[in-house]
Amino acid sequence: MEESRQLDSFLWFSIGDFTKAIHFLKLAVKFYLILNYRRMRWKIQRIFLRFREIMNFILKIKNI
């Protein structure tokens, strides 16, 4: 009887640790995204600028 109670408490403990680990992972991902947000935004802006330049170039060729 005592063993099953210990096993139950151990299972609950591991489930609690699992939820804590998931919460910690979510926080870590948020922190990582916040840290890399500036760099990613800069890259995305560069990609959009390049895309706009290509579109303007295509429009110029069409006008000629």
Protein backbone atom coordinates (compact mmCIF):
# COMPACT_ATOMS: atom_id res chain seq x y z
CA MET A 1 0.00 0.00 0.00
CA GLU A 2 2.82 2.39 0.90
CA GLU A 3 4.64 1.64 -2.37
CA SER A 4 1.65 2.58 -4.55
CA ARG A 5 1.27 5.85 -2.63
CA GLN A 6 4.95 6.63 -3.20
CA LEU A 7 4.55 5.79 -6.88
CA ASP A 8 1.53 8.10 -7.17
CA SER A 9 3.39 10.96 -5.51
CA PHE A 10 6.37 10.29 -7.79
CA LEU A 11 4.12 10.36 -10.87
CA TRP A 12 2.54 13.64 -9.75
CA PHE A 13 5.99 15.07 -9.09
CA SER A 14 7.21 14.10 -12.56
CA ILE A 15 4.06 15.55 -14.17
CA GLY A 16 4.65 18.80 -12.30
CA ASP A 17 8.27 18.86 -13.47
CA PHE A 18 7.09 18.22 -17.03
CA THR A 19 4.71 21.19 -16.97
CA LYS A 20 7.45 23.34 -15.42
CA ALA A 21 9.82 22.26 -18.18
CA ILE A 22 7.25 23.15 -20.87
CA HIS A 23 6.69 26.55 -19.23
CA PHE A 24 10.45 27.15 -19.09
CA LEU A 25 10.80 26.18 -22.76
CA LYS A 26 8.05 28.65 -23.71
CA LEU A 27 9.83 31.40 -21.77
CA ALA A 28 13.15 30.51 -23.40
CA VAL A 29 11.61 30.65 -26.88
CA LYS A 30 10.02 34.04 -26.13
CA PHE A 31 13.35 35.36 -24.83
CA TYR A 32 15.17 34.03 -27.92
CA LEU A 33 12.62 35.64 -30.26
CA ILE A 34 12.87 38.98 -28.44
CA LEU A 35 16.68 38.87 -28.65
CA ASN A 36 16.71 37.99 -32.36
CA TYR A 37 13.77 40.26 -33.27
CA ARG A 38 15.95 43.20 -34.31
CA ARG A 39 18.26 41.09 -36.44
CA MET A 40 15.35 39.20 -38.03
CA ARG A 41 13.47 42.43 -38.71
CA TRP A 42 16.58 43.84 -40.41
CA LYS A 43 16.90 40.73 -42.60
CA ILE A 44 13.21 40.79 -43.49
CA GLN A 45 13.40 44.50 -44.36
CA ARG A 46 16.40 43.78 -46.60
CA ILE A 47 14.50 40.98 -48.35
CA PHE A 48 11.49 43.26 -48.89
CA LEU A 49 13.73 46.04 -50.22
CA ARG A 50 15.40 43.60 -52.63
CA PHE A 51 11.97 42.36 -53.74
CA ARG A 52 10.78 45.93 -54.33
CA GLU A 53 13.91 46.72 -56.35
CA ILE A 54 13.32 43.66 -58.52
CA MET A 55 9.66 44.60 -59.04
CA ASN A 56 10.61 48.18 -59.99
CA PHE A 57 13.22 46.81 -62.41
CA ILE A 58 10.60 44.54 -64.03
CA LEU A 59 8.17 47.48 -64.33
CA LYS A 60 10.89 49.61 -65.95
CA ILE A 61 11.60 46.85 -68.46
CA LYS A 62 7.88 46.57 -69.24
CA ASN A 63 7.63 50.34 -69.77
CA ILE A 64 10.53 50.24 -72.24
